[in-house]
């Protein structure tokens, strides 16, 4: 996975979570559904932003970090 891909996925997770929160606040989505999306998207956001942070610039892939 490239550095730019990790950043895009992390920001997409944050955007999806923010959009569902806004939809819940406006009444278009049940609050429980927005909470469920936040619970699923938060770990994805943290993992992919951490991968982006640790990736080196250039064409190399992010190294496998083990089991």
N, C-alpha and C. Protein backbone atom coordinates (compact mmCIF):
# COMPACT_ATOMS: atom_id res chain seq x y z
N UNK A 1 0.84 -1.17 0.00
CA UNK A 1 0.00 0.00 0.00
C UNK A 1 0.89 1.23 0.00
N UNK A 2 0.56 2.15 -0.84
CA UNK A 2 1.32 3.39 -0.95
C UNK A 2 0.87 4.40 0.11
N UNK A 3 1.74 5.37 0.35
CA UNK A 3 1.44 6.40 1.35
C UNK A 3 0.18 7.18 1.00
N UNK A 4 0.02 7.52 -0.26
CA UNK A 4 -1.14 8.30 -0.69
C UNK A 4 -2.43 7.48 -0.54
N UNK A 5 -2.37 6.19 -0.81
CA UNK A 5 -3.55 5.34 -0.66
C UNK A 5 -3.99 5.26 0.79
N UNK A 6 -3.03 5.11 1.69
CA UNK A 6 -3.35 5.05 3.12
C UNK A 6 -4.00 6.35 3.58
N UNK A 7 -3.51 7.48 3.10
CA UNK A 7 -4.09 8.77 3.46
C UNK A 7 -5.52 8.91 2.93
N UNK A 8 -5.73 8.49 1.69
CA UNK A 8 -7.06 8.59 1.09
C UNK A 8 -8.07 7.75 1.86
N UNK A 9 -7.69 6.51 2.21
CA UNK A 9 -8.61 5.64 2.95
C UNK A 9 -8.88 6.20 4.34
N UNK A 10 -7.86 6.72 5.01
CA UNK A 10 -8.05 7.31 6.33
C UNK A 10 -8.96 8.52 6.30
N UNK A 11 -8.76 9.37 5.33
CA UNK A 11 -9.62 10.56 5.22
C UNK A 11 -11.03 10.19 4.79
N UNK A 12 -11.16 9.16 3.97
CA UNK A 12 -12.50 8.69 3.58
C UNK A 12 -13.25 8.17 4.81
N UNK A 13 -12.56 7.44 5.67
CA UNK A 13 -13.20 6.94 6.89
C UNK A 13 -13.65 8.10 7.77
N UNK A 14 -12.82 9.12 7.88
CA UNK A 14 -13.20 10.29 8.67
C UNK A 14 -14.37 11.03 8.04
N UNK A 15 -14.37 11.15 6.72
CA UNK A 15 -15.46 11.83 6.02
C UNK A 15 -16.78 11.09 6.14
N UNK A 16 -16.73 9.77 6.02
CA UNK A 16 -17.95 8.98 6.16
C UNK A 16 -18.52 9.12 7.57
N UNK A 17 -17.65 9.06 8.56
CA UNK A 17 -18.10 9.20 9.94
C UNK A 17 -18.70 10.58 10.19
N UNK A 18 -18.06 11.61 9.69
CA UNK A 18 -18.57 12.97 9.87
C UNK A 18 -19.90 13.16 9.14
N UNK A 19 -20.02 12.59 7.95
CA UNK A 19 -21.25 12.73 7.18
C UNK A 19 -22.42 12.03 7.87
N UNK A 20 -22.17 10.85 8.42
CA UNK A 20 -23.26 10.16 9.12
C UNK A 20 -23.64 10.90 10.41
N UNK A 21 -22.67 11.49 11.06
CA UNK A 21 -22.99 12.29 12.25
C UNK A 21 -23.84 13.50 11.90
N UNK A 22 -23.51 14.14 10.79
CA UNK A 22 -24.30 15.28 10.34
C UNK A 22 -25.70 14.85 9.92
N UNK A 23 -25.80 13.73 9.22
CA UNK A 23 -27.12 13.23 8.83
C UNK A 23 -27.97 12.87 10.05
N UNK A 24 -27.33 12.32 11.08
CA UNK A 24 -28.06 11.99 12.30
C UNK A 24 -28.51 13.27 13.02
N UNK A 25 -27.65 14.27 13.02
CA UNK A 25 -28.00 15.53 13.68
C UNK A 25 -29.15 16.24 12.96
N UNK A 26 -29.22 16.07 11.65
CA UNK A 26 -30.29 16.69 10.88
C UNK A 26 -31.58 15.87 10.87
N UNK A 27 -31.50 14.64 11.39
CA UNK A 27 -32.69 13.81 11.48
C UNK A 27 -32.93 12.89 10.30
N UNK A 28 -31.99 12.80 9.39
CA UNK A 28 -32.15 11.93 8.22
C UNK A 28 -31.72 10.49 8.47
N UNK A 29 -31.03 10.27 9.57
CA UNK A 29 -30.48 8.95 9.88
C UNK A 29 -30.68 8.70 11.37
N UNK A 30 -31.07 7.50 11.75
CA UNK A 30 -31.21 7.23 13.18
C UNK A 30 -29.86 7.37 13.89
N UNK A 31 -29.89 7.83 15.11
CA UNK A 31 -28.66 8.04 15.88
C UNK A 31 -27.92 6.73 16.08
N UNK A 32 -28.63 5.63 16.29
CA UNK A 32 -27.95 4.34 16.49
C UNK A 32 -27.17 3.94 15.24
N UNK A 33 -27.66 4.30 14.06
CA UNK A 33 -26.95 3.96 12.82
C UNK A 33 -25.67 4.79 12.70
N UNK A 34 -25.74 6.05 13.08
CA UNK A 34 -24.55 6.91 13.05
C UNK A 34 -23.51 6.42 14.06
N UNK A 35 -23.99 5.97 15.22
CA UNK A 35 -23.06 5.44 16.22
C UNK A 35 -22.40 4.17 15.72
N UNK A 36 -23.15 3.32 15.04
CA UNK A 36 -22.60 2.09 14.49
C UNK A 36 -21.53 2.39 13.44
N UNK A 37 -21.79 3.36 12.59
CA UNK A 37 -20.80 3.74 11.58
C UNK A 37 -19.56 4.32 12.24
N UNK A 38 -19.72 5.11 13.29
CA UNK A 38 -18.57 5.68 13.99
C UNK A 38 -17.72 4.59 14.64
N UNK A 39 -18.38 3.57 15.20
CA UNK A 39 -17.65 2.47 15.83
C UNK A 39 -16.84 1.69 14.79
N UNK A 40 -17.37 1.54 13.59
CA UNK A 40 -16.67 0.80 12.54
C UNK A 40 -15.58 1.66 11.89
N UNK A 41 -15.85 2.93 11.68
CA UNK A 41 -14.92 3.79 10.95
C UNK A 41 -13.75 4.29 11.80
N UNK A 42 -13.92 4.40 13.10
CA UNK A 42 -12.83 4.93 13.92
C UNK A 42 -11.57 4.06 13.87
N UNK A 43 -11.67 2.74 14.03
CA UNK A 43 -10.45 1.93 13.92
C UNK A 43 -9.82 2.02 12.53
N UNK A 44 -10.66 2.07 11.50
CA UNK A 44 -10.12 2.21 10.14
C UNK A 44 -9.37 3.53 10.00
N UNK A 45 -9.93 4.59 10.53
CA UNK A 45 -9.27 5.90 10.49
C UNK A 45 -7.92 5.85 11.19
N UNK A 46 -7.89 5.31 12.39
CA UNK A 46 -6.65 5.28 13.18
C UNK A 46 -5.60 4.42 12.49
N UNK A 47 -5.97 3.25 12.01
CA UNK A 47 -5.01 2.35 11.36
C UNK A 47 -4.44 2.97 10.10
N UNK A 48 -5.28 3.50 9.24
CA UNK A 48 -4.79 4.02 7.97
C UNK A 48 -4.02 5.33 8.12
N UNK A 49 -4.38 6.17 9.10
CA UNK A 49 -3.59 7.37 9.34
C UNK A 49 -2.23 6.99 9.94
N UNK A 50 -2.20 5.96 10.79
CA UNK A 50 -0.92 5.49 11.33
C UNK A 50 -0.05 4.90 10.22
N UNK A 51 -0.65 4.16 9.30
CA UNK A 51 0.11 3.63 8.16
C UNK A 51 0.65 4.78 7.31
N UNK A 52 -0.16 5.80 7.09
CA UNK A 52 0.30 6.95 6.32
C UNK A 52 1.46 7.65 7.04
N UNK A 53 1.35 7.81 8.35
CA UNK A 53 2.36 8.49 9.13
C UNK A 53 3.70 7.75 9.07
N UNK A 54 3.66 6.41 9.10
CA UNK A 54 4.88 5.61 9.13
C UNK A 54 5.46 5.31 7.76
N UNK A 55 4.73 5.57 6.70
CA UNK A 55 5.21 5.27 5.36
C UNK A 55 6.29 6.27 4.94
N UNK A 56 7.24 5.79 4.23
CA UNK A 56 8.30 6.64 3.69
C UNK A 56 7.83 7.20 2.33
N UNK A 57 8.27 8.39 1.98
CA UNK A 57 7.90 8.92 0.66
C UNK A 57 8.60 8.13 -0.43
N UNK A 58 7.95 8.04 -1.58
CA UNK A 58 8.54 7.32 -2.69
C UNK A 58 7.63 6.21 -3.16
N UNK A 59 8.20 5.31 -3.94
CA UNK A 59 7.43 4.25 -4.56
C UNK A 59 7.38 2.96 -3.75
N UNK A 60 8.11 2.88 -2.66
CA UNK A 60 8.15 1.65 -1.89
C UNK A 60 6.82 1.41 -1.19
N UNK A 61 6.52 0.14 -0.98
CA UNK A 61 5.35 -0.22 -0.20
C UNK A 61 5.64 -0.07 1.28
N UNK A 62 4.58 0.00 2.07
CA UNK A 62 4.72 -0.01 3.52
C UNK A 62 5.15 -1.42 3.92
N UNK A 63 6.21 -1.58 4.68
CA UNK A 63 6.67 -2.94 5.01
C UNK A 63 5.67 -3.68 5.89
N UNK A 64 5.68 -5.00 5.76
CA UNK A 64 4.81 -5.85 6.56
C UNK A 64 5.27 -5.76 8.00
N UNK A 65 4.35 -5.51 8.94
CA UNK A 65 4.75 -5.28 10.33
C UNK A 65 4.68 -6.52 11.20
N UNK A 66 4.32 -7.65 10.64
CA UNK A 66 4.34 -8.89 11.41
C UNK A 66 2.99 -9.32 11.88
N UNK A 67 2.99 -10.30 12.71
CA UNK A 67 1.74 -10.93 13.13
C UNK A 67 1.21 -10.27 14.36
